[in-house]
Amino acid sequence: MSKFIKSIINIIIIFIILILFDIILMFFLPIEIKNKIYDRKSHKIKSYYYHHDLRPNATWVENWGYQNSKIFTNNLGFKDRQNRNVEFKENNILFIGDSFTEGVGVEYQNTFVGIIENDIKSISNKYEILNAGVVSYSPIIILSKLNYLINIKRLPITKVFVVLCNGDIHDDLFRYKGINENYVVSHDDFINIKIFVDVNNFLKSNTITYQFIKRVTPLSNLFKNLKNQSNEDFKNYDLKKVLSILNNKPDQKHVIDKQEFNKWGASGLEQSRLYIEKVKKLLDERKIGLTLVYLEEPIFMLNSINSSFYYNYWNKFSKENKIDFIFVNEYHKDEDDKFKIYKDLFFIGDNHFNDKGNKVVAEELIRKSKYFQKIIN
């Protein structure tokens, strides 16, 4: 055996020993120290089935605009008010959707799911409410994840709220390539071989080495200023500046530009509809109730665009498929100054609801939901 091959073997052996030592050390570290060591992106993990998820029992501080929020996930990898093992009850309600449902930038108890949970549990202790939403989820991912949770993990879910937003159809059409008979989503973002995904997620969660590498690569991370913008930074944001940000988002173009809608928006909408049909069939097989929710985003309000087309589209679809449907759009109905509403309910320069906005959404959802009204009354 040549000296070169022997050297390579020795390097591999030393690397394996170091990784094993790293894993053992990480295992025995107190959780408080682990949370300080974790890179800020280590709470994001890959999924073989549905592309990406949140790391179970994770804790981190999320920087969003001018706000720092302490975020927790439970043992299922769902955003929660604390690290905990979920105890299922007689009625288990699951919310699933994209960043609006996850509640980016907002602590769980202030998200619309957390507010609904608090209100319902104050009435009855027979309900467990869970938030399976994660940023960049769209109907194809929702379909795959629901199959994973219900048919593979066998979670005893009794009711599902699927929350759609305007940008979802862009992801269904351009980011994700399709879904096979085993509900595995295809994409080009990483090599989707299960053992590779599992090893990556394990090393990401259980080694200090991974955290170090993520912090120093690319090298610009060493010098990146992670300090949030303050409220003062947003005082100069006027309607024109906000629109220049929101209207130039690729996933929003079909709303403000008829040509973009004809080019890809209509086909993307049809693609999402087909995935929601499969979601309905999947849940019907398990006799699980479904409510479809559509959140009207601020781009409609700030551009004075009538959203009735999307209401009519999903309302018709829901009636044809016997699905309860809720259209959330009342947050701006009683105020003429739309930019004032935007500054009050959204993160400035962004299209996500802030703490106050999530409360308004929760109130409208409870008020319009036949399911929740039965519990309350």
Foldseek 3Di string as FASTA:
>chain_A
DDPVVVVVVVVVVVVVVVFVVQLVVLVPDPPVVLLVLAAQCLQWAADLQQGIAGHAQHWHWAFDAAATEIWGHERVRFTDQHHYHDDAFQAEEEEEEACLQSVHRAHQCLFLQNVLVVVLVVQPVRYHYTYRYYHLDALLSVLRVVCCVCVVVNDPHAAYEYEDEQLRLVCLVPAWDDADPNNGTHGDPDPSDPVVRVVVSCCSSRGSVNSVVVCPPPVVSVVDDPDHDHPVVQPPDDLVNLCVLVCPDPSCVVQVDVVVCVVRVVVSVVSRLVSVLSVLVVCVVVNHAYEYEYEYWCNCVSVVNDPVVVVVVVVVSCVVSVHHYYYDDCQPVPDPPSVVSCVVFHNRSDGHGYSVVSNSSSVRCCVRDPVNVVSVD
